Amino acid sequence: MQPASERSALAAMGDVLSPEVLAAVQALYRGEQDRLATAQPVTLADAAYGDDPRQTLDLYALGSADAPVPVMLWVHGGGFVRGEKRSPSHPFNAHAGRWAARHGMLGAVMNYRFAPEHRWPAGGEDVGAAIDWLRAHAAEHGGDPDRIVAVGTSAGAVHVATHLKLRGGDGSGGGLAGAVLLSGLYGFTPLDPRDELYYGTQDLYPARMPLDAVVATELPLLIAGAEYDPPRFQAELGKLLVARLARHGVLPRNYIASGHNHFSLAYHLGTTDTRLGDEILSFIGDRA
């Protein structure tokens, strides 16, 4: 359950995306996430899944298991231009890998190349390359290469969806057993000019957005958003659910995180508010 003080603090922040709100959200969870970090160090750091310095990932595991365990690949957000899988200055986004390990999975947290130096489809290509690396090496660390679930948040969700556009068209899911998309932008609403750094000019967006792939894929999906997501993100989630229903005849698994905003949706994972974590665990468990 979400503590009342946390709910009040996030409600006061509203649906604004700004550096100040991001810092406030990180401060809200930093104490708890820092304490959890001391109990779960990184198992394998900076494994290269490509030639670029940004193409690295970290692994988190508790130790040996009786049988291979599911693999959760975390793809961070950052508006296509920022983000870090592990930083000495804060416990995010490594918290997701630690959370996965604590719940009996092999946690993988990846970096990817940034715009504007690396434009579309670099992020989706990097997700695919990280999946290839995990399929080749997860077993060495106790993971099951046939049970990789990618969890992307914000820009990370776009990159996971783009991976499906690039490599999921054959029905294989692009090497994934499932995908969790947290507060992504898939192409139902107009391109924000800020995102031209990644997609290029507005006229290129219709061909590059991952909308068709994320609507059509047969890969099991969990689609989630936050009560205080900005209106554009909420519209994207609602339109995606409607489109999936029209295409497949059933809604995909979905979850709206009440009391959370765009940043806290990702950063509270592993805290005393277990609602999103429980949804992800149940979803990944169904892929067994």
Protein backbone atom coordinates (compact mmCIF):
# COMPACT_ATOMS: atom_id res chain seq x y z
CA MET A 1 0.00 0.00 0.00
CA GLN A 2 1.20 3.51 -0.77
CA PRO A 3 1.93 5.57 2.36
CA ALA A 4 -0.39 8.55 2.75
CA SER A 5 2.53 10.99 3.00
CA GLU A 6 3.96 9.75 -0.30
CA ARG A 7 0.59 9.95 -2.00
CA SER A 8 0.12 13.54 -0.81
CA ALA A 9 3.60 14.58 -1.93
CA LEU A 10 3.12 13.15 -5.41
CA ALA A 11 -0.36 14.61 -5.77
CA ALA A 12 1.10 18.04 -5.00
CA MET A 13 3.63 17.61 -7.83
CA GLY A 14 0.81 17.01 -10.31
CA ASP A 15 1.49 15.93 -13.89
CA VAL A 16 4.44 18.22 -14.60
CA LEU A 17 7.65 16.90 -16.18
CA SER A 18 10.59 19.00 -15.05
CA PRO A 19 14.06 18.57 -13.55
CA GLU A 20 12.69 19.87 -10.26
CA VAL A 21 9.93 17.25 -10.12
CA LEU A 22 12.39 14.51 -11.10
CA ALA A 23 14.72 15.55 -8.25
CA ALA A 24 11.82 15.65 -5.80
CA VAL A 25 10.70 12.15 -6.79
CA GLN A 26 14.21 10.77 -6.46
CA ALA A 27 14.52 12.37 -3.03
CA LEU A 28 11.24 10.79 -2.00
CA TYR A 29 12.56 7.26 -2.59
CA ARG A 30 16.28 7.69 -2.19
CA GLY A 31 16.52 6.67 1.47
CA GLU A 32 14.67 3.42 0.97
CA GLN A 33 16.40 2.58 -2.29
CA ASP A 34 19.84 3.37 -0.83
CA ARG A 35 19.21 0.96 2.04
CA LEU A 36 18.20 -1.76 -0.40
CA ALA A 37 21.27 -1.10 -2.53
CA THR A 38 23.69 -2.02 0.24
CA ALA A 39 22.18 -5.51 0.46
CA GLN A 40 22.39 -6.28 -3.27
CA PRO A 41 25.58 -5.32 -5.10
CA VAL A 42 25.92 -5.68 -8.85
CA THR A 43 26.83 -9.23 -9.92
CA LEU A 44 28.36 -8.41 -13.31
CA ALA A 45 29.13 -4.81 -14.23
CA ASP A 46 29.48 -3.19 -17.65
CA ALA A 47 29.13 -6.25 -19.83
CA ALA A 48 29.49 -5.08 -23.43
CA TYR A 49 26.68 -6.07 -25.78
CA GLY A 50 28.04 -3.87 -28.58
CA ASP A 51 31.02 -1.77 -29.62
CA ASP A 52 29.80 1.66 -28.47
CA PRO A 53 30.78 2.71 -24.91
CA ARG A 54 27.07 3.15 -24.10
CA GLN A 55 26.25 -0.42 -25.15
CA THR A 56 26.73 -2.07 -21.78
CA LEU A 57 24.54 -3.77 -19.20
CA ASP A 58 24.72 -4.88 -15.57
CA LEU A 59 23.44 -8.12 -14.06
CA TYR A 60 21.97 -8.72 -10.61
CA ALA A 61 21.49 -12.19 -9.13
CA LEU A 62 21.11 -13.57 -5.63
CA GLY A 63 23.04 -16.76 -6.31
CA SER A 64 22.55 -20.31 -7.50
CA ALA A 65 19.06 -21.66 -8.09
CA ASP A 66 17.69 -25.15 -8.61
CA ALA A 67 16.58 -24.28 -12.14
CA PRO A 68 17.11 -21.43 -14.61
CA VAL A 69 15.18 -18.31 -13.59
CA PRO A 70 13.36 -15.67 -15.65
CA VAL A 71 15.36 -12.70 -16.89
CA MET A 72 14.05 -9.15 -16.52
CA LEU A 73 15.70 -6.56 -18.77
CA TRP A 74 15.15 -2.98 -17.55
CA VAL A 75 15.32 -0.20 -20.16
CA HIS A 76 15.48 3.22 -18.50
CA GLY A 77 13.83 6.46 -19.58
CA GLY A 78 15.33 9.89 -20.18
CA GLY A 79 13.71 11.52 -23.18
CA PHE A 80 16.09 9.76 -25.62
CA VAL A 81 19.01 11.93 -24.43
CA ARG A 82 19.89 10.95 -20.86
CA GLY A 83 19.78 8.21 -18.22
CA GLU A 84 22.15 5.77 -16.57
CA LYS A 85 21.88 2.12 -15.58
CA ARG A 86 24.03 2.60 -12.49
CA SER A 87 25.40 5.78 -10.97
CA PRO A 88 27.39 6.56 -7.82
CA SER A 89 25.15 9.59 -7.28
CA HIS A 90 21.82 7.79 -6.95
CA PRO A 91 20.38 4.24 -6.70
CA PHE A 92 18.27 4.50 -9.86
CA ASN A 93 17.98 2.60 -12.30
CA ALA A 94 19.93 -0.16 -10.65
CA HIS A 95 17.05 -0.51 -8.19
CA ALA A 96 15.09 -2.43 -10.85
CA GLY A 97 17.83 -5.03 -11.28
CA ARG A 98 18.13 -5.45 -7.53
CA TRP A 99 14.35 -5.81 -7.24
CA ALA A 100 14.37 -8.53 -9.88
CA ALA A 101 17.14 -10.43 -8.09
CA ARG A 102 15.33 -10.24 -4.74
CA HIS A 103 12.32 -11.84 -6.39
CA GLY A 104 14.17 -14.79 -7.83
CA MET A 105 15.03 -13.46 -11.27
CA LEU A 106 18.16 -12.48 -13.11
CA GLY A 107 17.98 -8.70 -13.30
CA ALA A 108 19.60 -6.96 -16.28
CA VAL A 109 19.81 -3.15 -16.52
CA MET A 110 21.05 -1.70 -19.79
CA ASN A 111 22.45 1.54 -21.14
CA TYR A 112 21.79 2.56 -24.73
CA ARG A 113 23.02 5.17 -27.19
CA PHE A 114 21.61 8.70 -26.99
CA ALA A 115 20.27 11.24 -29.44
CA PRO A 116 21.19 13.42 -31.19
CA GLU A 117 24.41 11.53 -31.94
CA HIS A 118 22.40 8.34 -32.39
CA ARG A 119 18.95 8.77 -33.89
CA TRP A 120 16.12 6.38 -34.65
CA PRO A 121 16.24 3.39 -34.64
CA ALA A 122 19.33 3.25 -32.41
CA GLY A 123 17.37 2.65 -29.18
CA GLY A 124 15.38 -0.23 -30.61
CA GLU A 125 18.52 -1.72 -32.15
CA ASP A 126 20.25 -1.55 -28.78
CA VAL A 127 17.38 -3.34 -27.04
CA GLY A 128 17.66 -6.07 -29.66
CA ALA A 129 21.42 -6.34 -29.20
CA ALA A 130 21.04 -6.56 -25.41
CA ILE A 131 18.45 -9.32 -25.82
CA ASP A 132 20.84 -11.19 -28.12
CA TRP A 133 23.58 -10.90 -25.49
CA LEU A 134 21.23 -12.20 -22.79
CA ARG A 135 20.11 -15.11 -24.92
CA ALA A 136 23.75 -16.04 -25.38
CA HIS A 137 24.96 -15.45 -21.81
CA ALA A 138 22.04 -15.48 -19.35
CA ALA A 139 22.47 -19.19 -18.63
CA GLU A 140 26.01 -18.51 -17.36
CA HIS A 141 24.41 -16.49 -14.55
CA GLY A 142 21.41 -18.71 -13.83
CA GLY A 143 18.97 -17.09 -16.25
CA ASP A 144 16.65 -18.79 -18.72
CA PRO A 145 17.27 -17.36 -22.21
CA ASP A 146 13.78 -18.40 -23.27
CA ARG A 147 12.13 -16.34 -20.51
CA ILE A 148 13.41 -12.81 -21.10
CA VAL A 149 10.89 -10.07 -20.34
CA ALA A 150 11.81 -6.48 -21.24
CA VAL A 151 10.49 -3.70 -19.01
CA GLY A 152 10.80 -0.24 -20.54
CA THR A 153 9.82 3.03 -18.94
CA SER A 154 9.08 6.25 -20.89
CA ALA A 155 11.71 6.45 -23.66
CA GLY A 156 12.71 2.93 -22.65
CA ALA A 157 9.17 1.73 -23.41
CA VAL A 158 9.46 3.35 -26.85
CA HIS A 159 12.73 1.50 -27.44
CA VAL A 160 11.18 -1.84 -26.46
CA ALA A 161 8.23 -1.13 -28.78
CA THR A 162 10.66 -0.14 -31.55
CA HIS A 163 12.47 -3.43 -31.08
CA LEU A 164 9.15 -5.15 -31.79
CA LYS A 165 8.79 -3.01 -34.92
CA LEU A 166 12.28 -3.94 -36.10
CA ARG A 167 12.42 -7.61 -35.18
CA GLY A 168 9.09 -8.81 -33.83
CA GLY A 169 7.20 -9.07 -37.10
CA ASP A 170 7.87 -12.78 -37.54
CA GLY A 171 5.79 -13.63 -34.46
CA SER A 172 8.82 -14.53 -32.35
CA GLY A 173 8.59 -11.48 -30.14
CA GLY A 174 12.12 -10.59 -31.15
CA GLY A 175 13.59 -13.02 -28.62
CA LEU A 176 11.29 -11.93 -25.79
CA ALA A 177 8.78 -13.92 -23.76
CA GLY A 178 6.88 -10.75 -22.89
CA ALA A 179 7.17 -6.99 -22.56
CA VAL A 180 6.10 -4.44 -19.95
CA LEU A 181 5.57 -0.92 -21.27
CA LEU A 182 5.48 1.86 -18.66
CA SER A 183 4.25 5.30 -19.80
CA GLY A 184 5.46 5.20 -23.37
CA LEU A 185 4.63 7.24 -26.47
CA TYR A 186 3.82 4.96 -29.39
CA GLY A 187 2.48 7.28 -32.08
CA PHE A 188 -1.17 7.93 -31.26
CA THR A 189 -0.46 11.61 -30.54
CA PRO A 190 1.63 14.17 -32.47
CA LEU A 191 5.38 14.15 -32.08
CA ASP A 192 6.70 16.53 -29.46
CA PRO A 193 9.27 18.87 -31.09
CA ARG A 194 11.78 17.93 -28.38
CA ASP A 195 11.76 14.35 -29.64
CA GLU A 196 12.86 15.38 -33.13
CA LEU A 197 16.39 14.96 -31.74
CA TYR A 198 15.71 11.23 -31.90
CA TYR A 199 13.11 10.74 -34.63
CA GLY A 200 14.22 13.46 -37.02
CA THR A 201 11.76 15.85 -38.63
CA GLN A 202 8.01 15.63 -38.12
CA ASP A 203 7.40 14.16 -41.57
CA LEU A 204 9.55 11.13 -40.69
CA TYR A 205 7.59 10.26 -37.56
CA PRO A 206 4.67 8.30 -39.12
CA ALA A 207 7.05 5.74 -40.64
CA ARG A 208 9.29 5.53 -37.58
CA MET A 209 6.84 5.42 -34.68
CA PRO A 210 6.23 1.90 -33.26
CA LEU A 211 2.41 2.18 -33.19
CA ASP A 212 1.60 -0.56 -35.71
CA ALA A 213 3.96 -3.05 -34.09
CA VAL A 214 2.75 -2.54 -30.53
CA VAL A 215 -0.87 -2.83 -31.66
CA ALA A 216 -0.36 -5.92 -33.83
CA THR A 217 2.16 -7.98 -31.85
CA GLU A 218 1.06 -11.32 -30.43
CA LEU A 219 3.74 -11.03 -27.75
CA PRO A 220 2.15 -10.89 -24.27
CA LEU A 221 2.12 -7.30 -23.03
CA LEU A 222 1.58 -5.55 -19.72
CA ILE A 223 0.79 -1.89 -20.40
CA ALA A 224 0.92 0.52 -17.47
CA GLY A 225 0.70 4.22 -16.73
CA ALA A 226 0.36 6.60 -13.82
CA GLU A 227 -2.53 8.64 -12.45
CA TYR A 228 -0.43 11.80 -12.74
CA ASP A 229 1.15 11.06 -16.10
CA PRO A 230 0.94 14.13 -18.38
CA PRO A 231 -2.19 14.16 -20.59
CA ARG A 232 -0.31 13.05 -23.71
CA PHE A 233 0.96 9.91 -21.99
CA GLN A 234 -2.50 9.15 -20.65
CA ALA A 235 -4.00 9.58 -24.13
CA GLU A 236 -1.40 7.21 -25.58
CA LEU A 237 -2.19 4.53 -23.02
CA GLY A 238 -5.95 4.82 -23.51
CA LYS A 239 -5.71 4.76 -27.30
CA LEU A 240 -3.36 1.79 -27.21
CA LEU A 241 -5.81 -0.20 -25.10
CA VAL A 242 -8.66 0.63 -27.46
CA ALA A 243 -6.58 -0.28 -30.52
CA ARG A 244 -5.46 -3.56 -28.99
CA LEU A 245 -9.07 -4.42 -28.14
CA ALA A 246 -10.18 -3.69 -31.70
CA ARG A 247 -7.32 -5.76 -33.17
CA HIS A 248 -7.32 -8.77 -30.81
CA GLY A 249 -10.80 -8.81 -29.32
CA VAL A 250 -9.49 -8.62 -25.76
CA LEU A 251 -7.69 -5.99 -23.72
CA PRO A 252 -4.02 -6.53 -22.95
CA ARG A 253 -3.07 -6.82 -19.34
CA ASN A 254 -2.95 -3.27 -18.00
CA TYR A 255 -2.50 -1.27 -14.83
CA ILE A 256 -2.95 2.35 -13.78
CA ALA A 257 -0.79 3.28 -10.79
CA SER A 258 -2.99 5.49 -8.64
CA GLY A 259 -1.11 8.07 -6.61
CA HIS A 260 1.94 8.05 -8.91
CA ASN A 261 3.41 10.35 -11.53
CA HIS A 262 5.55 9.74 -14.60
CA PHE A 263 8.79 9.50 -12.64
CA SER A 264 7.58 7.71 -9.52
CA LEU A 265 5.98 4.95 -11.60
CA ALA A 266 9.49 3.61 -12.27
CA TYR A 267 11.38 4.79 -9.23
CA HIS A 268 9.10 3.37 -6.55
CA LEU A 269 9.58 -0.21 -7.77
CA GLY A 270 10.86 -2.26 -4.83
CA THR A 271 9.56 0.02 -2.08
CA THR A 272 6.77 -0.64 0.42
CA ASP A 273 4.22 0.18 -2.29
CA THR A 274 4.24 -3.21 -4.02
CA ARG A 275 1.27 -2.80 -6.34
CA LEU A 276 3.18 -2.31 -9.60
CA GLY A 277 5.78 -4.87 -8.57
CA ASP A 278 3.08 -7.42 -7.86
CA GLU A 279 1.60 -6.83 -11.33
CA ILE A 280 4.98 -7.32 -13.00
CA LEU A 281 5.76 -10.43 -10.95
CA SER A 282 2.43 -11.98 -11.82
CA PHE A 283 2.91 -11.13 -15.50
CA ILE A 284 6.41 -12.61 -15.61
CA GLY A 285 5.23 -15.65 -13.66
CA ASP A 286 2.65 -16.31 -16.35
CA ARG A 287 5.47 -16.58 -18.89
CA ALA A 288 6.90 -19.64 -17.10
